[in-house]
Amino acid sequence: MDPVQRTCLYVEGTIGNVRLRSIPQHLAPWRDSAEWRIFPSVLVLGATGRLGRILRAVWPAHWPVTWCGRRGGDVICNPLEDPGTFRDTAQRADVILSLAGPAPGGALQGEADLTDHARLARVVMEHAKGPVLLASSAAVYGNAGASGTPLREGMPLPTDVSTYGAAKREMEQAAPDAVCLRIGNVAGVDAILGGWKEGFSLDTFSDGTTPRRSYIGPLTLAYALAKLCCEPHDLPKCLNVAEAGSVEMGALLKAAGLPFNTRKAPDNAIPDVTLDTTRLIERIPSLSEPVVATRLVEECRLLRERA
């Protein structure tokens, strides 16, 4: 069977505490594996953020996870303002997964807020007793993808990046002992599916295609982060987190049934930005299947139904 067809298959089952009529075939290990019976004590920062809400909807309620957020969760705390409360909470966790920090389109109020990423990383590292996984971003690669080659974790990072990319780069530098997860576009909380509105326009190149980018489905992200929390030791300093290959933005909107206009892409537009996920696939082999637009859209739908 063609790999693309296999990726689109669904099976009956449960992802975390979410009973689903159908789940992506590549997530079958979540349903079947006995490894989930033993899960480390994990402290998740950013419980009320976009990624935190995905995990809270999908991860099993019986897992020993403490959700920490500034406005909600098991522990309501801003580590930058209340380091004492954070210290006490952090000391009870085997692993810390930090998804916190302002992002474009989210809680970001101004460029000054972006310094919180590095400041938060330092506080987390100071009080953590075990491994720390920090949510970084593919934005650290800036326009390096213009060469057309997949972006690898070990490549030198460019200096001409967005202010958000620069903030994430500074965060990585502030926490040399943490594992920095360079997360690609997450379907449903991205600028395309998540940011669509009437009159939406996409850049279109001379061959009629729209930009291609690395993506990961929200259910797949929850699965991948759970796996990494279970096996946090001996991970590389930086790890790209996305599904294999890339997907065209126009294909995403078409799969979701969302109309869009086209406009001529500017000369500096990058046709394809793909993260090299070799390191991730070595640790989670089920993520070797190529990403497919229809499945990303279906994951968003399944999550909305159960969230």
Protein backbone atom coordinates (compact mmCIF):
# COMPACT_ATOMS: atom_id res chain seq x y z
CA MET A 1 0.00 0.00 0.00
CA ASP A 2 1.19 3.51 -0.79
CA PRO A 3 2.64 5.29 2.30
CA VAL A 4 0.27 8.22 1.85
CA GLN A 5 -2.72 5.88 1.89
CA ARG A 6 -1.44 4.18 5.03
CA THR A 7 -1.11 7.51 6.79
CA CYS A 8 -4.76 8.29 6.14
CA LEU A 9 -6.04 5.04 7.71
CA TYR A 10 -7.90 5.25 11.01
CA VAL A 11 -8.58 2.67 13.69
CA GLU A 12 -11.00 2.46 16.59
CA GLY A 13 -9.39 3.28 19.90
CA THR A 14 -8.44 5.62 22.68
CA ILE A 15 -5.79 8.31 22.70
CA GLY A 16 -5.02 9.10 26.29
CA ASN A 17 -8.34 9.66 28.06
CA VAL A 18 -10.07 10.51 24.78
CA ARG A 19 -12.23 7.73 23.37
CA LEU A 20 -12.36 8.31 19.65
CA ARG A 21 -14.42 6.74 16.91
CA SER A 22 -11.26 6.71 14.83
CA ILE A 23 -7.64 7.61 15.40
CA PRO A 24 -4.74 7.95 12.96
CA GLN A 25 -3.09 4.61 12.22
CA HIS A 26 0.35 5.88 13.17
CA LEU A 27 -0.95 6.55 16.70
CA ALA A 28 -1.99 2.94 17.26
CA PRO A 29 0.91 2.42 19.71
CA TRP A 30 -0.78 4.94 22.02
CA ARG A 31 -3.80 2.67 22.08
CA ASP A 32 -1.95 -0.65 22.34
CA SER A 33 1.29 -0.10 24.23
CA ALA A 34 1.65 -1.11 27.86
CA GLU A 35 4.31 1.59 28.40
CA TRP A 36 1.63 4.12 29.30
CA ARG A 37 0.85 2.24 32.49
CA ILE A 38 3.97 3.81 33.98
CA PHE A 39 4.29 7.53 33.38
CA PRO A 40 6.74 9.84 35.17
CA SER A 41 5.66 12.68 37.39
CA VAL A 42 5.54 15.56 34.91
CA LEU A 43 5.11 19.26 35.61
CA VAL A 44 3.67 21.04 32.56
CA LEU A 45 4.10 24.81 32.45
CA GLY A 46 1.73 26.77 30.23
CA ALA A 47 -1.38 24.78 31.15
CA THR A 48 -3.75 27.39 29.72
CA GLY A 49 -1.76 28.14 26.57
CA ARG A 50 -2.55 26.80 23.12
CA LEU A 51 -0.34 23.73 23.39
CA GLY A 52 -1.14 23.15 27.05
CA ARG A 53 -4.85 22.99 26.28
CA ILE A 54 -4.20 20.32 23.65
CA LEU A 55 -2.34 18.13 26.13
CA ARG A 56 -4.97 18.61 28.83
CA ALA A 57 -7.65 17.42 26.41
CA VAL A 58 -5.71 14.33 25.35
CA TRP A 59 -3.40 13.10 28.08
CA PRO A 60 -5.06 10.64 30.51
CA ALA A 61 -6.46 12.19 33.66
CA HIS A 62 -4.87 9.47 35.82
CA TRP A 63 -1.31 10.25 34.73
CA PRO A 64 0.76 11.95 37.48
CA VAL A 65 0.80 15.30 35.67
CA THR A 66 0.70 18.65 37.43
CA TRP A 67 -0.65 21.44 35.24
CA CYS A 68 0.76 24.86 36.06
CA GLY A 69 -0.45 28.11 34.54
CA ARG A 70 -0.74 31.78 35.31
CA ARG A 71 -4.53 31.71 35.07
CA GLY A 72 -5.49 28.08 35.63
CA GLY A 73 -4.39 24.53 36.25
CA ASP A 74 -3.59 22.46 39.32
CA VAL A 75 -1.11 25.14 40.39
CA ILE A 76 -1.72 28.78 39.51
CA CYS A 77 1.70 30.34 39.44
CA ASN A 78 3.94 32.58 37.38
CA PRO A 79 7.47 31.30 38.09
CA LEU A 80 8.90 34.73 37.30
CA GLU A 81 6.77 36.39 39.96
CA ASP A 82 6.44 33.59 42.51
CA PRO A 83 9.62 31.51 42.35
CA GLY A 84 8.97 30.06 45.81
CA THR A 85 5.72 28.37 44.82
CA PHE A 86 7.30 27.20 41.60
CA ARG A 87 10.32 25.78 43.41
CA ASP A 88 8.13 23.71 45.73
CA THR A 89 6.11 22.42 42.79
CA ALA A 90 9.13 21.70 40.61
CA GLN A 91 10.84 19.63 43.29
CA ARG A 92 7.99 17.10 43.17
CA ALA A 93 8.35 16.46 39.42
CA ASP A 94 10.56 13.90 37.69
CA VAL A 95 10.35 15.82 34.40
CA ILE A 96 9.43 19.41 33.55
CA LEU A 97 7.83 20.20 30.21
CA SER A 98 7.68 23.94 29.66
CA LEU A 99 5.21 25.14 27.04
CA ALA A 100 4.98 28.58 28.61
CA GLY A 101 5.86 31.94 27.12
CA PRO A 102 4.18 34.56 24.94
CA ALA A 103 3.86 33.84 21.23
CA PRO A 104 2.70 35.83 18.21
CA GLY A 105 -1.06 35.65 17.99
CA GLY A 106 -1.31 34.62 21.63
CA ALA A 107 -0.60 36.47 24.87
CA LEU A 108 2.17 38.56 23.37
CA GLN A 109 1.68 42.23 24.19
CA GLY A 110 4.96 43.65 22.96
CA GLU A 111 8.52 42.77 22.05
CA ALA A 112 9.63 43.31 25.66
CA ASP A 113 7.50 40.30 26.67
CA LEU A 114 9.71 38.06 24.55
CA THR A 115 12.53 38.33 27.09
CA ASP A 116 10.33 36.19 29.34
CA HIS A 117 11.38 33.11 27.36
CA ALA A 118 15.01 33.27 28.48
CA ARG A 119 14.14 34.45 31.99
CA LEU A 120 11.68 31.62 32.45
CA ALA A 121 14.19 29.06 31.18
CA ARG A 122 16.72 30.18 33.79
CA VAL A 123 14.19 29.90 36.63
CA VAL A 124 13.07 26.46 35.48
CA MET A 125 16.63 25.17 35.24
CA GLU A 126 17.47 26.58 38.67
CA HIS A 127 14.72 24.64 40.44
CA ALA A 128 14.34 21.47 38.35
CA LYS A 129 15.51 18.24 39.96
CA GLY A 130 15.34 16.22 36.74
CA PRO A 131 15.26 16.58 32.95
CA VAL A 132 13.73 19.72 31.43
CA LEU A 133 12.08 19.88 28.02
CA LEU A 134 11.60 23.42 26.72
CA ALA A 135 9.24 24.27 23.85
CA SER A 136 11.31 26.17 21.34
CA SER A 137 10.23 26.87 17.77
CA ALA A 138 11.15 26.32 14.15
CA ALA A 139 11.31 30.13 14.08
CA VAL A 140 14.93 29.89 15.27
CA TYR A 141 15.87 28.80 11.73
CA GLY A 142 14.67 32.08 10.22
CA ASN A 143 15.06 32.06 6.44
CA ALA A 144 17.62 29.25 6.45
CA GLY A 145 15.09 27.07 4.62
CA ALA A 146 15.49 29.18 1.49
CA SER A 147 18.27 26.84 0.38
CA GLY A 148 15.69 24.10 -0.11
CA THR A 149 17.42 21.58 2.13
CA PRO A 150 15.74 20.20 5.28
CA LEU A 151 16.64 22.12 8.42
CA ARG A 152 18.80 20.05 10.76
CA GLU A 153 19.27 20.68 14.47
CA GLY A 154 23.06 20.89 14.26
CA MET A 155 23.21 23.59 11.60
CA PRO A 156 24.42 27.10 12.52
CA LEU A 157 21.45 29.34 13.29
CA PRO A 158 21.09 32.55 11.28
CA THR A 159 21.08 35.91 12.99
CA ASP A 160 18.48 37.53 10.72
CA VAL A 161 15.43 35.93 12.33
CA SER A 162 12.15 37.32 13.60
CA THR A 163 12.02 38.81 17.09
CA TYR A 164 10.17 35.68 18.22
CA GLY A 165 12.82 33.44 16.66
CA ALA A 166 15.55 35.46 18.34
CA ALA A 167 13.80 35.15 21.70
CA LYS A 168 13.59 31.38 21.36
CA ARG A 169 17.25 31.23 20.35
CA GLU A 170 18.18 33.21 23.47
CA MET A 171 16.02 30.84 25.53
CA GLU A 172 17.95 27.85 24.17
CA GLN A 173 21.25 29.54 25.02
CA ALA A 174 20.03 30.35 28.54
CA ALA A 175 19.36 26.66 29.27
CA PRO A 176 22.32 24.66 27.94
CA ASP A 177 21.34 21.57 29.97
CA ALA A 178 17.73 21.47 28.77
CA VAL A 179 16.29 19.65 25.76
CA CYS A 180 14.95 22.29 23.37
CA LEU A 181 12.05 21.11 21.24
CA ARG A 182 11.91 23.04 17.97
CA ILE A 183 8.24 22.55 17.24
CA GLY A 184 6.94 23.10 13.72
CA ASN A 185 3.47 24.34 12.79
CA VAL A 186 0.76 22.69 14.89
CA ALA A 187 -2.42 22.16 12.91
CA GLY A 188 -5.35 24.06 14.40
CA VAL A 189 -3.30 26.60 16.35
CA ASP A 190 -1.30 27.78 13.33
CA ALA A 191 -1.68 30.86 11.14
CA ILE A 192 -3.44 28.87 8.40
CA LEU A 193 -6.09 26.56 9.86
CA GLY A 194 -6.14 28.40 13.18
CA GLY A 195 -5.93 31.88 11.70
CA TRP A 196 -8.33 31.49 8.78
CA LYS A 197 -11.02 34.13 8.32
CA GLU A 198 -13.20 35.32 5.46
CA GLY A 199 -11.09 36.78 2.67
CA PHE A 200 -8.00 34.82 3.68
CA SER A 201 -5.20 35.02 1.07
CA LEU A 202 -2.20 32.79 0.39
CA ASP A 203 0.98 33.52 -1.52
CA THR A 204 1.10 31.61 -4.80
CA PHE A 205 4.23 30.88 -6.79
CA SER A 206 4.62 30.87 -10.57
CA ASP A 207 3.95 27.12 -10.74
CA GLY A 208 0.61 27.57 -8.98
CA THR A 209 1.70 26.09 -5.65
CA THR A 210 1.38 27.67 -2.22
CA PRO A 211 4.06 27.59 0.50
CA ARG A 212 4.92 24.20 2.00
CA ARG A 213 5.81 23.91 5.67
CA SER A 214 6.51 21.27 8.28
CA TYR A 215 3.42 20.42 10.33
CA ILE A 216 2.29 18.18 13.13
CA GLY A 217 -1.27 17.22 14.07
CA PRO A 218 -2.46 18.12 17.59
CA LEU A 219 -3.08 14.50 18.57
CA THR A 220 0.28 13.48 17.14
CA LEU A 221 1.95 16.30 19.09
CA ALA A 222 0.35 15.09 22.33
CA TYR A 223 1.62 11.58 21.59
CA ALA A 224 5.13 12.74 20.71
CA LEU A 225 5.49 14.91 23.82
CA ALA A 226 4.28 12.07 26.01
CA LYS A 227 6.86 9.74 24.49
CA LEU A 228 9.64 12.26 25.05
CA CYS A 229 8.58 12.80 28.66
CA CYS A 230 8.75 9.03 29.19
CA GLU A 231 12.27 8.87 27.75
CA PRO A 232 13.84 12.26 28.57
CA HIS A 233 17.36 11.01 29.19
CA ASP A 234 20.00 10.97 26.48
CA LEU A 235 17.97 13.21 24.20
CA PRO A 236 19.96 15.66 22.05
CA LYS A 237 20.25 19.28 23.10
CA CYS A 238 17.86 20.27 20.27
CA LEU A 239 15.16 18.18 18.65
CA ASN A 240 12.89 19.08 15.74
CA VAL A 241 9.28 18.12 16.48
CA ALA A 242 7.15 17.71 13.37
CA GLU A 243 5.85 15.02 11.10
CA ALA A 244 7.96 13.79 8.21
CA GLY A 245 8.05 15.98 5.10
CA SER A 246 6.00 19.10 4.53
CA VAL A 247 2.47 20.01 3.45
CA GLU A 248 1.19 22.73 1.15
CA MET A 249 -0.80 25.42 2.93
CA GLY A 250 -3.35 25.56 0.14
CA ALA A 251 -3.90 21.82 0.51
CA LEU A 252 -4.66 22.30 4.20
CA LEU A 253 -7.34 24.88 3.54
CA LYS A 254 -8.85 22.78 0.74
CA ALA A 255 -8.94 19.72 3.00
CA ALA A 256 -10.73 21.78 5.64
CA GLY A 257 -13.18 23.20 3.11
CA LEU A 258 -12.03 26.75 3.79
CA PRO A 259 -12.00 29.08 0.77
CA PHE A 260 -9.05 31.37 0.18
CA ASN A 261 -7.79 33.92 -2.31
CA THR A 262 -4.39 33.79 -3.97
CA ARG A 263 -1.84 36.51 -4.47
CA LYS A 264 1.50 36.61 -6.23
CA ALA A 265 4.23 35.54 -3.84
CA PRO A 266 6.87 38.22 -3.20
CA ASP A 267 10.39 37.58 -4.44
CA ASN A 268 11.66 36.75 -0.96
CA ALA A 269 8.93 34.18 -0.23
CA ILE A 270 10.27 30.70 0.59
CA PRO A 271 8.45 27.88 -1.25
CA ASP A 272 9.33 25.03 1.12
CA VAL A 273 10.55 25.01 4.71
CA THR A 274 10.97 21.46 5.95
CA LEU A 275 12.37 20.32 9.28
CA ASP A 276 14.65 17.31 9.25
CA THR A 277 12.97 14.88 11.66
CA THR A 278 15.56 12.09 11.52
CA ARG A 279 16.42 12.44 15.20
CA LEU A 280 12.77 12.38 16.24
CA ILE A 281 11.98 9.34 14.11
CA GLU A 282 14.90 7.46 15.68
CA ARG A 283 13.08 7.83 19.00
CA ILE A 284 9.50 7.55 17.70
CA PRO A 285 9.58 5.33 14.59
CA SER A 286 5.82 5.58 14.04
CA LEU A 287 6.34 9.20 12.96
CA SER A 288 8.19 8.15 9.82
CA GLU A 289 5.04 8.26 7.68
CA PRO A 290 4.76 11.44 5.55
CA VAL A 291 2.43 14.18 6.72
CA VAL A 292 -0.90 14.44 4.85
CA ALA A 293 -3.24 17.46 4.81
CA THR A 294 -6.47 15.48 5.17
CA ARG A 295 -5.24 13.73 8.30
CA LEU A 296 -4.09 16.99 9.92
CA VAL A 297 -7.56 18.40 9.39
CA GLU A 298 -9.16 15.25 10.77
CA GLU A 299 -7.03 15.42 13.91
CA CYS A 300 -8.22 18.98 14.46
CA ARG A 301 -11.83 17.85 14.09
CA LEU A 302 -11.42 14.93 16.47
CA LEU A 303 -9.81 17.18 19.07
CA ARG A 304 -12.58 19.79 18.79
CA GLU A 305 -15.21 17.10 19.34
CA ARG A 306 -13.57 15.85 22.52
CA ALA A 307 -11.92 18.93 24.00
